Protein backbone atom coordinates (compact mmCIF):
# COMPACT_ATOMS: atom_id res chain seq x y z
CA MET A 1 -24.07 27.08 2.40
CA PRO A 2 -21.79 25.70 -0.57
CA ASN A 3 -20.16 22.70 -0.05
CA PRO A 4 -17.17 22.62 2.33
CA ILE A 5 -13.84 23.26 0.22
CA ALA A 6 -12.04 23.14 3.63
CA ASP A 7 -13.18 21.19 6.84
CA PHE A 8 -10.63 22.33 9.56
CA ARG A 9 -12.79 20.75 12.38
CA SER A 10 -10.97 17.43 12.86
CA ASP A 11 -8.75 14.74 11.10
CA THR A 12 -11.78 12.39 11.44
CA VAL A 13 -13.99 14.22 8.79
CA THR A 14 -11.95 12.30 5.91
CA SER A 15 -13.90 10.18 3.39
CA PRO A 16 -12.66 6.94 2.12
CA SER A 17 -11.01 6.93 -1.18
CA ALA A 18 -11.58 5.00 -4.16
CA GLY A 19 -8.72 2.92 -3.59
CA MET A 20 -9.47 2.34 0.16
CA ARG A 21 -13.14 1.52 -0.62
CA SER A 22 -11.98 -1.00 -3.28
CA ALA A 23 -9.96 -2.56 -0.57
CA MET A 24 -13.16 -3.00 1.84
CA ALA A 25 -15.03 -4.25 -0.86
CA ALA A 26 -12.67 -7.21 -1.80
CA ALA A 27 -11.46 -8.16 1.93
CA GLU A 28 -11.68 -11.43 3.10
CA VAL A 29 -14.02 -11.75 5.75
CA GLY A 30 -14.70 -14.39 8.83
CA ASP A 31 -16.44 -14.23 12.16
CA ASP A 32 -13.87 -12.07 14.36
CA VAL A 33 -15.60 -13.39 17.79
CA TYR A 34 -14.53 -16.83 16.96
CA GLY A 35 -10.97 -15.44 15.83
CA GLU A 36 -11.76 -16.22 12.30
CA ASP A 37 -11.48 -12.98 10.38
CA PRO A 38 -8.04 -13.34 8.37
CA THR A 39 -8.02 -9.52 7.54
CA ILE A 40 -8.60 -8.71 11.12
CA ASN A 41 -5.92 -11.47 12.16
CA ARG A 42 -3.25 -9.82 9.78
CA LEU A 43 -4.08 -6.40 10.74
CA GLU A 44 -3.71 -7.34 14.55
CA ALA A 45 -0.31 -8.99 13.88
CA ARG A 46 0.89 -6.15 11.74
CA VAL A 47 0.31 -3.36 14.22
CA ALA A 48 1.67 -5.60 16.91
CA GLU A 49 4.94 -5.71 15.26
CA LEU A 50 4.87 -2.19 14.25
CA ALA A 51 4.61 -1.64 18.20
CA GLY A 52 7.21 -3.75 19.03
CA MET A 53 4.59 -5.58 21.11
CA GLU A 54 3.31 -9.35 21.42
CA ALA A 55 -0.39 -8.72 20.39
CA GLY A 56 -3.18 -6.37 19.21
CA LEU A 57 -6.58 -6.27 19.67
CA PHE A 58 -9.09 -4.72 17.05
CA THR A 59 -11.49 -2.21 18.04
CA THR A 60 -13.92 0.25 17.10
CA SER A 61 -12.51 3.50 18.31
CA ALA A 62 -9.39 4.85 20.41
CA THR A 63 -12.34 5.83 22.83
CA GLN A 64 -12.98 1.98 22.91
CA SER A 65 -9.23 0.81 23.03
CA ASN A 66 -8.50 3.74 25.91
CA LEU A 67 -11.51 1.92 27.68
CA LEU A 68 -10.55 -1.40 27.13
CA ALA A 69 -6.76 -0.66 28.17
CA LEU A 70 -7.89 1.03 31.63
CA MET A 71 -10.30 -1.94 32.31
CA THR A 72 -7.42 -4.15 31.93
CA HIS A 73 -4.40 -2.37 34.11
CA CYS A 74 -7.08 -1.27 36.98
CA GLN A 75 -9.65 -2.91 39.05
CA ARG A 76 -12.58 -1.36 40.37
CA GLY A 77 -11.13 0.93 43.23
CA ASP A 78 -7.90 1.29 41.40
CA GLU A 79 -6.92 5.00 40.01
CA TYR A 80 -4.91 6.29 36.78
CA ILE A 81 -2.92 9.45 36.78
CA VAL A 82 -3.26 11.10 33.65
CA GLY A 83 -3.44 15.02 31.88
CA GLN A 84 -6.25 17.20 32.77
CA GLN A 85 -7.32 17.94 29.17
CA ALA A 86 -6.21 14.56 28.24
CA HIS A 87 -8.77 12.70 25.94
CA SER A 88 -8.96 9.41 27.95
CA TYR A 89 -10.02 11.63 30.87
CA ARG A 90 -12.11 14.78 29.39
CA TYR A 91 -13.56 13.35 26.22
CA GLU A 92 -14.44 10.10 26.90
CA GLY A 93 -17.82 10.08 28.65
CA GLY A 94 -16.24 9.17 31.65
CA GLY A 95 -16.02 5.54 30.89
CA ALA A 96 -13.46 4.51 33.07
CA ALA A 97 -15.20 5.60 36.28
CA ALA A 98 -18.37 4.54 35.04
CA LEU A 99 -18.12 1.37 33.71
CA GLY A 100 -14.78 0.14 35.58
CA GLY A 101 -15.03 1.86 38.90
CA ILE A 102 -12.01 3.38 38.01
CA GLN A 103 -10.98 6.59 39.72
CA PRO A 104 -8.94 9.36 37.58
CA GLN A 105 -6.21 11.63 39.04
CA PRO A 106 -5.79 14.25 36.81
CA LEU A 107 -2.86 16.39 36.85
CA GLU A 108 -2.84 20.03 34.59
CA TYR A 109 -0.20 19.45 31.72
CA LEU A 110 2.73 21.72 31.27
CA PRO A 111 3.08 24.05 27.90
CA ASP A 112 4.65 21.45 26.31
CA GLY A 113 2.19 18.74 26.62
CA THR A 114 3.80 16.87 29.03
CA LEU A 115 2.94 16.29 32.72
CA ASP A 116 5.20 17.21 35.37
CA LEU A 117 6.90 13.94 36.63
CA LYS A 118 7.33 15.58 40.20
CA ALA A 119 3.53 16.23 40.41
CA VAL A 120 3.14 12.59 39.19
CA LEU A 121 5.29 11.26 41.81
CA ALA A 122 3.46 13.10 44.25
CA ALA A 123 0.09 11.94 43.31
CA ILE A 124 0.47 8.53 43.64
CA LYS A 125 -1.09 7.13 46.76
CA PRO A 126 0.22 5.66 50.00
CA ASP A 127 -0.57 2.01 49.96
CA ASP A 128 -3.32 2.61 52.55
CA SER A 129 -6.89 1.55 52.52
CA HIS A 130 -7.99 5.14 52.78
CA TYR A 131 -6.90 5.82 49.17
CA ALA A 132 -7.61 4.39 45.76
CA ARG A 133 -4.69 2.36 44.62
CA THR A 134 -2.46 3.76 42.16
CA ARG A 135 -1.78 1.51 39.22
CA LEU A 136 -1.25 3.32 36.08
CA LEU A 137 0.02 6.37 34.45
CA CYS A 138 -1.90 7.24 31.12
CA LEU A 139 0.13 9.91 28.60
CA GLU A 140 -0.65 11.25 25.09
CA ASN A 141 1.25 11.52 22.16
CA THR A 142 0.58 13.83 20.46
CA HIS A 143 -1.28 16.06 22.65
CA SER A 144 -3.24 18.92 21.06
CA GLY A 145 -0.76 17.90 18.43
CA GLN A 146 2.54 18.10 20.63
CA VAL A 147 4.80 15.69 20.47
CA LEU A 148 6.22 13.80 23.38
CA SER A 149 10.33 13.65 23.32
CA LEU A 150 11.81 10.10 23.53
CA GLU A 151 13.54 11.47 26.63
CA TYR A 152 10.58 12.48 28.32
CA GLN A 153 8.71 9.17 28.04
CA GLN A 154 11.90 7.29 28.88
CA ALA A 155 11.99 9.55 32.36
CA ALA A 156 8.25 8.65 32.81
CA ARG A 157 9.14 4.90 32.12
CA GLU A 158 11.81 4.95 34.91
CA LEU A 159 9.74 6.46 37.17
CA CYS A 160 6.81 3.92 36.39
CA ASP A 161 9.49 1.20 37.02
CA GLU A 162 10.40 2.50 40.09
CA GLN A 163 7.03 3.05 41.46
CA GLY A 164 5.40 -0.18 40.43
CA LEU A 165 2.99 1.38 38.09
CA ASP A 166 1.89 0.49 34.47
CA MET A 167 2.04 2.92 31.76
CA HIS A 168 -0.47 3.38 28.90
CA LEU A 169 -0.21 5.03 25.86
CA ASP A 170 -2.99 7.19 24.25
CA GLY A 171 -1.41 7.12 20.64
CA ALA A 172 -4.36 7.87 18.72
CA ARG A 173 -2.23 10.33 16.62
CA VAL A 174 1.34 8.60 17.37
CA PHE A 175 1.65 8.31 13.69
CA ASN A 176 2.10 12.07 13.52
CA ALA A 177 4.66 11.80 16.34
CA HIS A 178 6.34 9.19 14.20
CA ILE A 179 6.65 11.32 11.26
CA ASN A 180 7.73 14.39 13.10
CA LEU A 181 10.52 12.43 14.84
CA SER A 182 11.69 10.43 12.11
CA VAL A 183 11.61 7.47 14.34
CA GLN A 184 10.15 4.07 14.18
CA ILE A 185 6.83 3.40 16.01
CA ALA A 186 8.40 1.09 18.17
CA ASP A 187 10.93 3.56 19.60
CA ILE A 188 7.73 5.27 21.11
CA THR A 189 5.69 2.44 22.08
CA LYS A 190 8.17 0.21 23.50
CA LYS A 191 8.61 2.23 26.68
CA TYR A 192 4.78 1.31 27.35
CA ASP A 193 2.82 -1.58 28.59
CA SER A 194 0.18 -0.83 26.59
CA ALA A 195 -0.81 1.21 23.63
CA THR A 196 -3.70 2.79 21.56
CA PHE A 197 -3.58 3.45 18.05
CA CYS A 198 -6.34 5.24 15.61
CA PHE A 199 -6.89 4.87 12.21
CA SER A 200 -9.78 7.44 11.74
CA LYS A 201 -8.01 10.28 12.26
CA GLY A 202 -5.05 11.16 10.27
CA LEU A 203 -4.78 7.95 8.39
CA GLY A 204 -8.04 8.40 6.97
CA ALA A 205 -10.02 5.26 7.56
CA PRO A 206 -13.85 5.36 8.18
CA VAL A 207 -13.83 3.12 11.45
CA GLY A 208 -11.01 1.51 13.79
CA SER A 209 -8.37 1.69 16.33
CA MET A 210 -5.90 -1.06 17.67
CA LEU A 211 -5.05 -1.73 21.29
CA CYS A 212 -1.75 -3.38 21.78
CA GLY A 213 0.40 -5.01 24.49
CA SER A 214 1.50 -8.51 25.93
CA ALA A 215 -0.45 -11.68 24.88
CA ASP A 216 -1.52 -12.01 28.24
CA TYR A 217 -2.62 -8.56 28.35
CA ILE A 218 -4.64 -8.70 24.90
CA ASP A 219 -6.23 -11.94 26.06
CA ARG A 220 -7.69 -10.12 28.96
CA ALA A 221 -8.64 -6.87 27.13
CA ARG A 222 -10.54 -9.29 24.59
CA ARG A 223 -12.77 -10.15 27.26
CA TRP A 224 -13.63 -6.82 28.32
CA ARG A 225 -14.28 -5.98 24.69
CA LYS A 226 -16.86 -8.50 24.48
CA VAL A 227 -18.38 -7.18 28.00
CA VAL A 228 -18.72 -3.72 26.66
CA GLY A 229 -20.47 -4.78 23.36
CA GLY A 230 -17.57 -4.52 21.18
CA GLY A 231 -17.25 -7.97 19.40
CA MET A 232 -17.45 -7.86 15.76
CA ARG A 233 -18.00 -10.45 13.16
CA GLN A 234 -17.14 -9.99 9.52
CA ALA A 235 -15.29 -6.77 10.65
CA GLY A 236 -12.53 -7.55 7.96
CA ILE A 237 -14.36 -4.99 5.51
CA LEU A 238 -13.24 -2.34 8.06
CA ALA A 239 -9.66 -3.82 8.96
CA ALA A 240 -9.12 -3.71 5.04
CA ALA A 241 -9.48 0.29 5.29
CA CYS A 242 -6.91 0.27 8.00
CA GLU A 243 -4.39 -1.91 6.11
CA TYR A 244 -5.09 0.52 3.11
CA ALA A 245 -4.02 3.47 5.29
CA LEU A 246 -1.14 2.14 6.57
CA ASP A 247 0.08 1.21 2.77
CA HIS A 248 -0.93 4.71 1.75
CA ASN A 249 -1.54 7.08 4.27
CA VAL A 250 1.29 7.39 6.95
CA THR A 251 4.31 8.89 5.30
CA ARG A 252 1.88 11.51 3.74
CA LEU A 253 1.45 12.67 7.30
CA VAL A 254 4.14 15.05 6.41
CA GLU A 255 2.06 16.80 4.23
CA ASP A 256 -0.60 17.86 6.89
CA GLN A 257 2.41 19.20 9.12
CA ARG A 258 3.63 21.46 5.98
CA ARG A 259 -0.10 22.62 5.30
CA ALA A 260 -0.41 23.60 8.92
CA GLU A 261 2.69 25.43 8.97
CA ALA A 262 1.67 27.39 5.91
CA LEU A 263 -1.45 28.02 7.56
CA ALA A 264 -0.16 29.17 10.62
CA ALA A 265 2.28 31.23 8.71
CA GLY A 266 -0.38 32.75 6.55
CA LEU A 267 -2.69 33.67 9.39
CA SER A 268 0.17 35.17 11.83
CA GLY A 269 0.21 38.42 10.34
CA LEU A 270 -3.51 39.21 11.01
CA SER A 271 -4.33 42.09 13.44
CA TYR A 272 -7.21 40.75 14.84
CA LEU A 273 -6.33 37.15 15.82
CA THR A 274 -2.93 35.72 17.96
CA LEU A 275 -1.58 32.48 16.40
CA GLU A 276 -1.25 30.85 19.74
CA ALA A 277 0.92 27.77 18.19
CA GLN A 278 1.14 25.19 15.54
CA HIS A 279 2.04 21.34 16.38
CA THR A 280 2.20 18.72 14.10
CA ASN A 281 -1.11 19.15 11.75
CA MET A 282 -2.97 21.53 14.35
CA VAL A 283 -2.97 25.25 14.35
CA PHE A 284 -4.60 27.30 17.13
CA VAL A 285 -5.65 30.90 17.21
CA ARG A 286 -7.59 33.35 19.17
CA LEU A 287 -9.46 36.24 17.92
CA ALA A 288 -8.74 39.60 19.80
CA SER A 289 -12.42 39.56 20.88
CA ALA A 290 -14.99 36.94 21.71
CA ASP A 291 -17.56 39.17 20.03
CA MET A 292 -15.59 38.42 17.06
CA VAL A 293 -16.01 34.63 16.90
CA VAL A 294 -19.26 34.14 15.74
CA PRO A 295 -19.13 36.71 12.92
CA TRP A 296 -15.72 34.98 11.98
CA ARG A 297 -17.24 31.56 11.81
CA GLN A 298 -20.09 32.43 9.85
CA HIS A 299 -17.50 34.65 7.37
CA LEU A 300 -15.75 31.35 6.72
CA ALA A 301 -18.89 29.29 6.33
CA GLN A 302 -19.84 31.64 3.52
CA ARG A 303 -16.96 30.83 1.69
CA GLY A 304 -17.16 26.83 2.34
CA ILE A 305 -14.69 26.73 4.97
CA VAL A 306 -15.79 24.55 8.31
CA VAL A 307 -13.94 25.28 11.44
CA SER A 308 -14.64 23.69 14.97
CA GLY A 309 -16.54 26.04 17.24
CA GLU A 310 -14.27 25.79 19.80
CA TYR A 311 -12.35 28.73 21.35
CA PRO A 312 -9.51 29.40 21.07
CA GLU A 313 -10.05 27.73 17.60
CA ARG A 314 -8.16 24.66 16.58
CA MET A 315 -7.77 24.27 13.10
CA VAL A 316 -6.68 20.38 11.84
CA THR A 317 -5.39 19.62 8.47
CA HIS A 318 -5.51 15.79 7.15
CA LEU A 319 -5.79 14.23 3.67
CA ASP A 320 -8.74 16.13 2.31
CA ILE A 321 -7.15 19.50 2.92
CA ASP A 322 -4.94 20.35 -0.30
CA ASP A 323 -2.81 23.69 -0.86
CA THR A 324 -5.82 25.23 -2.86
CA ALA A 325 -7.89 25.14 0.37
CA ILE A 326 -5.10 26.31 2.67
CA GLU A 327 -4.88 29.42 0.06
CA ARG A 328 -8.34 30.24 -0.06
CA THR A 329 -8.63 29.66 3.71
CA ILE A 330 -5.75 32.26 4.31
CA ALA A 331 -7.56 34.40 1.45
CA ALA A 332 -10.72 34.39 3.42
CA ALA A 333 -9.38 35.45 6.63
CA ASN A 334 -7.77 38.09 5.60
CA GLN A 335 -11.07 39.17 3.59
CA PHE A 336 -12.83 39.36 7.25
CA CYS A 337 -13.49 42.99 8.51
CA PRO A 338 -13.88 42.91 12.33
CA ASN A 339 -16.36 45.52 13.67
């Protein structure tokens, strides 16, 4: 197969740019476990300020950030309410249960990517020794590219306040929501007790995530990071990539959304597939028959176009997908002849 001209599997597949590599090579470093890495310290303070929170904790991944968030909010035998298809429930290896003894209470998402707050209220357990103690509501923004409205998040905050719950944001792609809503990051995250950010998705860094919250909360999360083996030494070389991403790759996320819209428009007229949705930088299509899936993927792969292998197909735009890649993908899809 030729080298991929367009890899749509995820926005995690990007390669660091020459500028990002130079920033990494020039990074000033120290031992972060001792709190002595100046680049990490600077990044933690910067992202916490962006989030409108007191402190930040640099981690290897959003999965690790979410795990630390759950283990800091909850004790063994506690419970968090979460979406059935949420990343922090479905795609993180059951870490909260396996390592934290924390029970998930998954709920089905509504079509707009929200959780029905009446269902959330009904899922909160009574104060009774027969039940796990409900401690936390975990929301995701964006979810499958869908952006949560500020009004919905405020309503969720009010529910949590009324019921004595904490609220965590899995904001791995919250920068996409920030661009889509044209609001400041803090306008979204200040409603939460903690928030996760990821730099290795749309922002294009090779590694890195941030957990933000109060100073006391982050102190406790830092201990859990050490427990799960997440302490790093001269990791300023990684933080430098994240700094570069914040400086250069946030405002350009509007281009990913524009290209996703163009891809959706180009695929929408094809008779053999249905365009199910396009949200921010994600396009979802369903082929008319499951028998077409493998031939369609092979057809695209022969033309240097890689897709996820999920069904319905999720196609994600990112900084390594340009206008030419969108045009060639639409042309290749038009050339496919289903049997």
